[in-house]
Amino acid sequence: MRFTLPLIALIASPAAAQDAPSPERLRADVAAMAGFGTRHSASTTTDPKRGIGAARNWVEAEFRRIGKSCGGCVTTERLARTFTGPRAPDGVEIVDVLGVQPGTEPGRVVILMGHLDSRNSDVMDASGDAPGANDDASGVALVIETARILSRTKHKATIIYAALSGEEQGLWGATLLAETARARGWTVDAALNNDMVGNTVGQNGQRVADRVRVFSEGIRISETIEEQIRRRGNGGEDDGPSRALAKAIRGTAQAMPGALEVFAVRRPDRFGRGGDHEAFLRLGYPAVRFTVAAENYDQQHQNLRTENGREYGDTIDKMDFDYAARVTAINVAVARRLADAPSAPGDVSVDGAVSADSTVRWSPVTGASGYRVHWRRNDKQDWTDQRDLPADATELLLKDVIVDDHFFGVSALSENGAESIVSFAGRAAPRR
């Protein structure tokens, strides 16, 4: 038996149509955060108007306000731990502020995050001005705006809205959240890191306002040597969970009228640089980074100053909030899709050696209303063919589709067609 589920209309649905992110709200939120002067992780926590403590209180108040407007559907939590390292030799308490929107399937989460802390030219300067408008008040504002929108509807997965600290000191807030996810036994379906998502004019003066970069790893940093050898044999270098997430993001954006192009960069982050999603990658969770298409390095990690007519500093006047709203819209659509879909299938394998046919198998997924089997010729990067199957299916025989020439994957579908990321099919693991 074969049936077909409709692709979810992520942006064209009535709920989504009234949920367009507001450039004005994003601007107001960035202005509020930049107004705390500095949000350095070691800055004051007692001043009500300046420093990281005041900024955390403000973010928590925003999450509480959102929760109140939806009848308590979003609650708040703080995670705290003291970290010590080269950029905090005497130790510093790192505090993450979370908004938590529980889903109907406890323990399964989709995480949206940005880092609240900021810095200037001297990473050890905890008192000097560091407004951090684009890096990364823009990401936190996006997370808050996404919470405002997604809190209006119920979802299967729990959505975690996270304002992290300690990014500039060593990805400490992200490490704290990722390790908390592991300790609590969460199934992390996706972690979307938004870091610098609000400017459009690059270092060379060129404006790029039609695309956003999404960085993802291919081969997982968390894999064992044995797993890497197996992936090499399967040819799955471009289909790890985080790369599959990036492809899902791009596909989601392509289905949105007027959306930004998703430039899916096949690299974990910018060349030789890193971000908070890496803490999740280390623990094996699917995670990507959203970043503007055009970076201006004079506006990153700089003291506020003008030299020879050249302005330095990360200030709000350099930002483009229409662009930030469009990046936010993609985050909203992707988070809604994944929070409404089941988790991705596990134990996905393919068999067909020395045969003209291929058989794809997978384990059942709790709450799945169906499955979508994908395949493509193995000289292609994106899936080209698919077949939908009912909820009781756990395998599919594909006649005259030769395993030597094709890659395969399986996603899970909800009753309304929301689709998980695609799990790549390799050889079945040897039985022990």
Protein backbone atom coordinates (compact mmCIF):
# COMPACT_ATOMS: atom_id res chain seq x y z
CA MET A 1 0.00 0.00 0.00
CA ARG A 2 1.20 3.52 -0.74
CA PHE A 3 -0.17 6.82 0.40
CA THR A 4 0.96 10.42 0.15
CA LEU A 5 1.06 13.07 2.82
CA PRO A 6 1.06 16.71 1.74
CA LEU A 7 4.16 18.78 2.34
CA ILE A 8 3.49 21.17 5.18
CA ALA A 9 2.87 24.73 4.00
CA LEU A 10 5.21 26.35 6.46
CA ILE A 11 4.80 29.97 5.62
CA ALA A 12 1.56 29.95 3.65
CA SER A 13 -0.53 28.46 6.46
CA PRO A 14 -3.04 30.79 8.16
CA ALA A 15 -1.08 30.64 11.44
CA ALA A 16 2.15 31.57 9.71
CA ALA A 17 0.58 34.36 7.66
CA GLN A 18 -0.18 36.37 10.80
CA ASP A 19 3.18 35.57 12.35
CA ALA A 20 5.53 37.73 10.30
CA PRO A 21 8.47 38.80 12.48
CA SER A 22 8.50 42.49 13.30
CA PRO A 23 11.57 44.57 12.37
CA GLU A 24 10.39 47.17 14.87
CA ARG A 25 10.31 44.68 17.75
CA LEU A 26 13.72 43.34 16.77
CA ARG A 27 15.12 46.88 16.73
CA ALA A 28 13.61 47.64 20.14
CA ASP A 29 15.04 44.47 21.64
CA VAL A 30 18.53 45.09 20.24
CA ALA A 31 18.37 48.68 21.48
CA ALA A 32 17.47 47.47 24.96
CA MET A 33 20.38 45.04 25.06
CA ALA A 34 22.90 47.46 23.58
CA GLY A 35 21.69 49.98 26.16
CA PHE A 36 23.23 47.95 28.99
CA GLY A 37 26.62 49.33 27.91
CA THR A 38 28.48 46.05 28.17
CA ARG A 39 27.32 42.48 28.52
CA HIS A 40 30.76 41.02 29.12
CA SER A 41 30.39 37.74 31.01
CA ALA A 42 32.49 39.10 33.90
CA SER A 43 30.77 42.50 34.03
CA THR A 44 28.63 43.66 36.93
CA THR A 45 25.69 41.54 38.00
CA THR A 46 24.34 44.01 40.57
CA ASP A 47 23.90 47.24 38.61
CA PRO A 48 20.24 47.43 37.49
CA LYS A 49 21.08 49.35 34.32
CA ARG A 50 24.48 48.12 33.15
CA GLY A 51 26.23 44.81 32.66
CA ILE A 52 25.44 41.16 32.11
CA GLY A 53 23.27 40.88 35.22
CA ALA A 54 20.87 43.59 34.09
CA ALA A 55 20.79 42.07 30.59
CA ARG A 56 19.91 38.62 31.94
CA ASN A 57 17.14 40.07 34.06
CA TRP A 58 15.75 41.87 31.03
CA VAL A 59 15.72 38.73 28.88
CA GLU A 60 14.05 36.73 31.63
CA ALA A 61 11.40 39.43 31.98
CA GLU A 62 10.73 39.21 28.23
CA PHE A 63 10.27 35.44 28.45
CA ARG A 64 7.95 35.91 31.42
CA ARG A 65 5.94 38.49 29.49
CA ILE A 66 5.60 36.07 26.57
CA GLY A 67 4.57 33.29 28.95
CA LYS A 68 1.93 35.47 30.54
CA SER A 69 0.47 36.38 27.14
CA CYS A 70 -0.01 32.70 26.25
CA GLY A 71 -1.47 31.62 29.57
CA GLY A 72 1.73 30.20 31.00
CA CYS A 73 2.83 28.19 27.96
CA VAL A 74 6.40 29.51 28.35
CA THR A 75 8.23 29.24 31.68
CA THR A 76 11.70 30.49 32.58
CA GLU A 77 14.76 28.80 33.97
CA ARG A 78 18.35 29.75 34.68
CA LEU A 79 21.32 27.43 34.35
CA ALA A 80 24.49 28.46 36.18
CA ARG A 81 28.01 27.11 36.57
CA THR A 82 31.40 28.62 37.36
CA PHE A 83 33.98 28.22 34.58
CA THR A 84 37.70 28.95 34.66
CA GLY A 85 39.97 29.41 31.67
CA PRO A 86 42.53 31.68 30.01
CA ARG A 87 39.88 34.38 29.48
CA ALA A 88 38.60 34.05 33.06
CA PRO A 89 41.60 32.91 35.14
CA ASP A 90 39.87 33.68 38.44
CA GLY A 91 36.66 31.98 37.36
CA VAL A 92 33.33 33.48 36.37
CA GLU A 93 29.76 32.38 36.93
CA ILE A 94 28.14 31.67 33.57
CA VAL A 95 24.36 31.95 33.55
CA ASP A 96 22.04 30.93 30.71
CA VAL A 97 18.49 32.29 30.61
CA LEU A 98 15.95 29.92 29.12
CA GLY A 99 12.37 30.24 27.99
CA VAL A 100 10.82 26.77 27.93
CA GLN A 101 7.68 25.94 25.92
CA PRO A 102 6.73 22.33 26.80
CA GLY A 103 5.51 20.12 24.00
CA THR A 104 3.19 17.14 24.05
CA GLU A 105 6.13 14.72 23.78
CA PRO A 106 8.25 15.27 26.91
CA GLY A 107 11.99 14.97 26.58
CA ARG A 108 12.19 15.88 22.89
CA VAL A 109 13.50 19.38 22.23
CA VAL A 110 14.23 21.92 19.52
CA ILE A 111 16.65 24.61 20.70
CA LEU A 112 16.94 28.17 19.38
CA MET A 113 19.85 30.14 20.82
CA GLY A 114 21.94 33.27 20.65
CA HIS A 115 24.64 34.53 23.00
CA LEU A 116 23.91 37.44 25.28
CA ASP A 117 27.49 38.34 26.22
CA SER A 118 29.53 40.94 24.33
CA ARG A 119 33.15 42.14 24.23
CA ASN A 120 35.31 44.92 22.84
CA SER A 121 38.91 44.84 21.53
CA ASP A 122 40.23 43.52 24.85
CA VAL A 123 38.51 40.25 25.71
CA MET A 124 39.55 40.76 29.35
CA ASP A 125 37.88 44.20 29.61
CA ALA A 126 34.77 43.59 31.69
CA SER A 127 33.82 47.23 32.26
CA GLY A 128 34.45 49.15 29.03
CA ASP A 129 31.67 49.77 26.54
CA ALA A 130 30.77 46.79 24.35
CA PRO A 131 27.25 47.31 22.95
CA GLY A 132 27.37 44.08 20.90
CA ALA A 133 24.41 45.04 18.71
CA ASN A 134 24.96 42.52 15.92
CA ASP A 135 27.26 40.23 17.95
CA ASP A 136 25.03 38.98 19.35
CA ALA A 137 22.08 41.04 20.53
CA SER A 138 20.71 40.32 17.05
CA GLY A 139 20.65 36.58 17.75
CA VAL A 140 19.03 36.96 21.16
CA ALA A 141 16.43 39.36 19.71
CA LEU A 142 15.68 36.75 17.04
CA VAL A 143 15.20 34.09 19.72
CA ILE A 144 12.83 36.33 21.70
CA GLU A 145 10.83 37.25 18.59
CA THR A 146 10.59 33.58 17.62
CA ALA A 147 9.26 32.81 21.11
CA ARG A 148 6.61 35.50 20.71
CA ILE A 149 5.43 33.89 17.48
CA LEU A 150 5.69 30.17 18.24
CA SER A 151 4.16 30.53 21.71
CA ARG A 152 0.81 31.21 20.04
CA THR A 153 0.49 27.55 18.99
CA LYS A 154 1.09 24.15 20.57
CA HIS A 155 3.78 21.79 19.34
CA LYS A 156 4.87 18.20 19.80
CA ALA A 157 8.45 18.89 20.81
CA THR A 158 9.46 21.19 23.64
CA ILE A 159 11.02 24.39 22.32
CA ILE A 160 13.92 25.85 24.30
CA TYR A 161 14.60 29.55 23.73
CA ALA A 162 18.10 30.22 25.06
CA ALA A 163 20.11 33.37 25.77
CA LEU A 164 23.60 32.07 26.50
CA SER A 165 26.55 33.64 28.30
CA GLY A 166 30.27 32.99 28.05
CA GLU A 167 30.49 32.57 24.27
CA GLU A 168 33.39 35.00 24.04
CA GLN A 169 35.23 33.23 26.86
CA GLY A 170 35.06 29.75 25.35
CA LEU A 171 31.51 28.71 24.35
CA TRP A 172 30.83 28.12 28.04
CA GLY A 173 27.12 28.87 28.11
CA ALA A 174 26.53 26.55 25.16
CA THR A 175 28.63 23.87 26.86
CA LEU A 176 26.46 24.24 29.97
CA LEU A 177 23.22 23.91 27.97
CA ALA A 178 24.45 20.98 25.86
CA GLU A 179 25.68 19.10 28.93
CA THR A 180 22.38 19.84 30.68
CA ALA A 181 20.54 18.33 27.69
CA ARG A 182 22.64 15.19 28.01
CA ALA A 183 22.26 14.98 31.79
CA ARG A 184 18.47 15.33 31.55
CA GLY A 185 18.21 12.77 28.77
CA TRP A 186 16.72 15.14 26.22
CA THR A 187 16.42 14.06 22.61
CA VAL A 188 17.76 17.12 20.79
CA ASP A 189 16.20 17.11 17.33
CA ALA A 190 17.93 20.37 16.35
CA ALA A 191 19.94 23.23 17.81
CA LEU A 192 19.74 26.45 15.79
CA ASN A 193 22.50 28.88 16.74
CA ASN A 194 21.94 32.47 15.60
CA ASP A 195 25.12 34.52 15.92
CA MET A 196 25.36 37.83 14.03
CA VAL A 197 22.18 37.86 11.97
CA GLY A 198 21.47 41.58 11.61
CA ASN A 199 23.78 43.42 9.21
CA THR A 200 24.02 43.46 5.43
CA VAL A 201 27.06 45.62 4.55
CA GLY A 202 30.36 43.76 4.50
CA GLN A 203 33.96 44.76 5.09
CA ASN A 204 34.38 45.73 1.44
CA GLY A 205 31.32 48.00 1.51
CA GLN A 206 29.17 45.69 -0.58
CA ARG A 207 25.62 45.05 0.60
CA VAL A 208 24.37 41.47 0.58
CA ALA A 209 20.74 41.34 1.71
CA ASP A 210 19.36 38.41 -0.25
CA ARG A 211 20.88 35.42 1.56
CA VAL A 212 21.94 34.06 4.94
CA ARG A 213 24.73 31.58 5.59
CA VAL A 214 24.00 28.33 7.43
CA PHE A 215 27.10 26.42 8.53
CA SER A 216 27.05 22.69 9.20
CA GLU A 217 29.45 19.83 9.75
CA GLY A 218 29.40 16.80 7.46
CA ILE A 219 31.31 14.07 9.27
CA ARG A 220 30.38 14.31 12.95
CA ILE A 221 33.11 15.40 15.35
CA SER A 222 31.49 13.07 17.91
CA GLU A 223 31.99 9.93 15.81
CA THR A 224 34.31 7.18 16.94
CA ILE A 225 37.01 5.91 14.61
CA GLU A 226 34.88 2.85 13.89
CA GLU A 227 31.90 5.05 13.02
CA GLN A 228 34.06 7.19 10.74
CA ILE A 229 35.35 4.12 8.94
CA ARG A 230 31.77 2.90 8.47
CA ARG A 231 30.68 6.31 7.16
CA ARG A 232 33.60 6.35 4.74
CA GLY A 233 32.47 3.00 3.39
CA ASN A 234 28.87 4.19 3.12
CA GLY A 235 29.79 7.47 1.41
CA GLY A 236 27.82 9.52 3.93
CA GLU A 237 30.22 12.45 4.31
CA ASP A 238 27.59 14.94 3.14
CA ASP A 239 24.66 13.48 5.06
CA GLY A 240 25.43 13.61 8.78
CA PRO A 241 22.61 14.88 11.04
CA SER A 242 23.81 18.50 11.05
CA ARG A 243 24.27 18.56 7.29
CA ALA A 244 20.79 17.01 6.96
CA LEU A 245 19.49 19.80 9.20
CA ALA A 246 21.11 22.44 6.99
CA LYS A 247 19.52 20.85 3.91
CA ALA A 248 16.14 20.87 5.67
CA ILE A 249 16.60 24.56 6.47
CA ARG A 250 17.40 25.33 2.85
CA GLY A 251 14.42 23.31 1.63
CA THR A 252 12.14 25.04 4.12
CA ALA A 253 13.29 28.48 2.97
CA GLN A 254 12.85 27.55 -0.69
CA ALA A 255 9.18 26.80 0.03
CA MET A 256 8.64 30.23 1.62
CA PRO A 257 7.50 33.01 -0.73
CA GLY A 258 10.06 35.80 -0.79
CA ALA A 259 12.43 34.14 1.69
CA LEU A 260 16.15 34.73 1.84
CA GLU A 261 18.34 32.25 0.00
CA VAL A 262 19.97 29.84 2.43
CA PHE A 263 23.64 29.59 1.53
CA ALA A 264 24.33 26.15 3.02
CA VAL A 265 28.05 26.28 3.75
CA ARG A 266 29.65 22.83 3.93
CA ARG A 267 31.90 23.71 6.86
CA PRO A 268 31.18 23.70 10.62
CA ASP A 269 31.78 27.46 10.88
CA ARG A 270 33.66 30.31 9.26
CA PHE A 271 37.26 29.48 8.35
CA GLY A 272 39.27 28.90 11.51
CA ARG A 273 36.51 30.31 13.75
CA GLY A 274 33.75 28.86 15.89
CA GLY A 275 30.46 29.36 17.70
CA ASP A 276 28.07 27.99 20.28
CA HIS A 277 26.64 25.23 18.08
CA GLU A 278 30.01 23.47 18.36
CA ALA A 279 29.27 22.55 21.98
CA PHE A 280 26.26 20.60 20.73
CA LEU A 281 28.22 19.00 17.89
CA ARG A 282 30.74 17.66 20.39
CA LEU A 283 27.94 15.71 22.07
CA GLY A 284 26.54 14.40 18.80
CA TYR A 285 23.48 16.67 18.51
CA PRO A 286 22.35 18.12 15.13
CA ALA A 287 23.35 21.79 15.24
CA VAL A 288 23.98 24.61 12.76
CA ARG A 289 24.91 28.26 12.79
CA PHE A 290 23.04 31.11 11.07
CA THR A 291 25.23 34.11 10.22
CA VAL A 292 24.92 37.09 7.91
CA ALA A 293 26.16 36.76 4.35
CA ALA A 294 28.46 39.80 4.64
CA GLU A 295 30.54 40.35 7.76
CA ASN A 296 32.15 43.68 8.66
CA TYR A 297 35.14 43.00 10.87
CA ASP A 298 35.42 46.67 11.93
CA GLN A 299 32.14 46.06 13.77
CA GLN A 300 33.22 42.89 15.59
CA HIS A 301 35.12 42.87 18.90
CA GLN A 302 36.14 46.52 18.61
CA ASN A 303 36.39 49.47 20.97
CA LEU A 304 34.08 52.29 19.95
CA ARG A 305 36.21 54.80 18.07
CA THR A 306 36.88 56.59 14.78
CA GLU A 307 40.37 56.45 13.27
CA ASN A 308 41.28 58.22 10.03
CA GLY A 309 37.60 58.61 9.26
CA ARG A 310 36.94 54.90 9.77
CA GLU A 311 34.31 53.91 12.33
CA TYR A 312 34.82 50.94 14.60
CA GLY A 313 32.35 49.28 16.94
CA ASP A 314 29.28 47.05 16.99
CA THR A 315 26.49 49.62 17.18
CA ILE A 316 22.81 49.49 16.28
CA ASP A 317 23.07 52.09 13.50
CA LYS A 318 24.99 49.56 11.39
CA MET A 319 22.14 47.03 11.42
CA ASP A 320 19.40 46.13 8.92
CA PHE A 321 16.27 45.02 10.77
CA ASP A 322 14.27 44.13 7.69
CA TYR A 323 17.01 41.61 6.96
CA ALA A 324 17.04 40.38 10.58
CA ALA A 325 13.29 39.83 10.35
CA ARG A 326 13.75 37.67 7.25
CA VAL A 327 16.34 35.53 9.03
CA THR A 328 13.92 35.27 11.94
CA ALA A 329 11.16 34.09 9.58
CA ILE A 330 13.30 31.15 8.46
CA ASN A 331 14.03 30.21 12.08
CA VAL A 332 10.31 30.35 12.88
CA ALA A 333 9.42 28.11 9.93
CA VAL A 334 12.17 25.59 10.62
CA ALA A 335 11.48 25.41 14.36
CA ARG A 336 7.75 25.01 13.71
CA ARG A 337 8.37 22.25 11.19
CA LEU A 338 10.71 20.27 13.44
CA ALA A 339 8.70 20.84 16.63
CA ASP A 340 5.53 19.65 14.86
CA ALA A 341 7.22 16.66 13.21
CA PRO A 342 8.29 13.40 14.88
CA SER A 343 11.97 12.75 15.56
CA ALA A 344 14.10 11.51 12.70
CA PRO A 345 14.13 7.72 12.26
CA GLY A 346 16.92 5.66 13.79
CA ASP A 347 18.70 2.52 12.61
CA VAL A 348 18.22 3.41 8.95
CA SER A 349 20.00 0.99 6.64
CA VAL A 350 20.04 -0.16 3.04
CA ASP A 351 20.80 -3.55 1.55
CA GLY A 352 21.25 -4.49 -2.09
CA ALA A 353 24.81 -5.55 -2.70
CA VAL A 354 25.17 -7.64 -5.86
CA SER A 355 21.55 -6.90 -6.78
CA ALA A 356 19.56 -4.71 -9.15
CA ASP A 357 17.19 -3.80 -6.29
CA SER A 358 17.66 -1.97 -2.97
CA THR A 359 15.82 -2.45 0.32
CA VAL A 360 15.69 0.42 2.82
CA ARG A 361 14.86 -0.36 6.47
CA TRP A 362 14.32 1.76 9.58
CA SER A 363 13.07 1.58 13.15
CA PRO A 364 9.57 2.85 14.03
CA VAL A 365 9.33 6.39 15.39
CA THR A 366 6.95 7.23 18.22
CA GLY A 367 4.17 9.49 16.98
CA ALA A 368 5.00 9.12 13.29
CA SER A 369 2.00 9.05 10.95
CA GLY A 370 4.12 7.98 8.01
CA TYR A 371 7.58 7.91 6.53
CA ARG A 372 9.25 9.38 3.47
CA VAL A 373 11.98 7.37 1.79
CA HIS A 374 14.41 9.57 -0.16
CA TRP A 375 17.02 8.61 -2.70
CA ARG A 376 19.33 10.21 -5.22
CA ARG A 377 22.09 9.26 -7.59
CA ASN A 378 25.30 9.33 -5.64
CA ASP A 379 26.86 12.04 -7.78
CA LYS A 380 24.15 14.44 -6.49
CA GLN A 381 24.06 16.40 -3.24
CA ASP A 382 20.29 16.79 -2.84
CA TRP A 383 17.52 14.21 -2.75
CA THR A 384 15.77 13.85 -6.09
CA ASP A 385 13.23 11.05 -5.53
CA GLN A 386 10.91 10.09 -2.71
CA ARG A 387 8.11 7.74 -1.75
CA ASP A 388 5.69 8.06 1.17
CA LEU A 389 4.69 5.09 3.29
CA PRO A 390 2.18 4.54 6.12
CA ALA A 391 2.90 4.49 9.82
CA ASP A 392 3.24 0.71 10.06
CA ALA A 393 5.94 0.50 7.38
CA THR A 394 9.53 -0.24 8.35
CA GLU A 395 11.04 -1.11 4.97
CA LEU A 396 10.74 -0.42 1.26
CA LEU A 397 11.96 -2.46 -1.71
CA LEU A 398 12.99 -0.23 -4.61
CA LYS A 399 13.04 -2.24 -7.82
CA ASP A 400 15.78 -1.45 -10.32
CA VAL A 401 17.39 1.14 -8.04
CA ILE A 402 20.96 -0.07 -7.68
CA VAL A 403 22.58 0.56 -4.30
CA ASP A 404 26.02 1.08 -5.85
CA ASP A 405 24.72 4.11 -7.73
CA HIS A 406 22.42 5.71 -5.15
CA PHE A 407 22.23 7.17 -1.66
CA PHE A 408 19.14 6.65 0.53
CA GLY A 409 17.54 8.25 3.60
CA VAL A 410 14.32 8.23 5.59
CA SER A 411 12.36 10.98 7.34
CA ALA A 412 9.33 10.74 9.63
CA LEU A 413 6.05 12.58 8.99
CA SER A 414 3.35 13.92 11.27
CA GLU A 415 -0.36 13.71 10.56
CA ASN A 416 -0.28 17.17 8.94
CA GLY A 417 2.83 16.44 6.87
CA ALA A 418 5.49 18.09 9.03
CA GLU A 419 8.73 16.32 8.18
CA SER A 420 11.74 15.49 10.33
CA ILE A 421 15.28 15.79 9.05
CA VAL A 422 16.44 12.89 6.89
CA SER A 423 18.42 10.04 8.44
CA PHE A 424 21.03 8.67 6.05
CA ALA A 425 20.97 4.94 5.24
CA GLY A 426 24.22 3.03 5.46
CA ARG A 427 25.01 -0.64 5.76
CA ALA A 428 23.31 -2.29 8.71
CA ALA A 429 25.59 -2.36 11.74
CA PRO A 430 27.06 -5.82 12.31
CA ARG A 431 25.27 -7.85 14.94
CA ARG A 432 27.15 -8.67 18.13
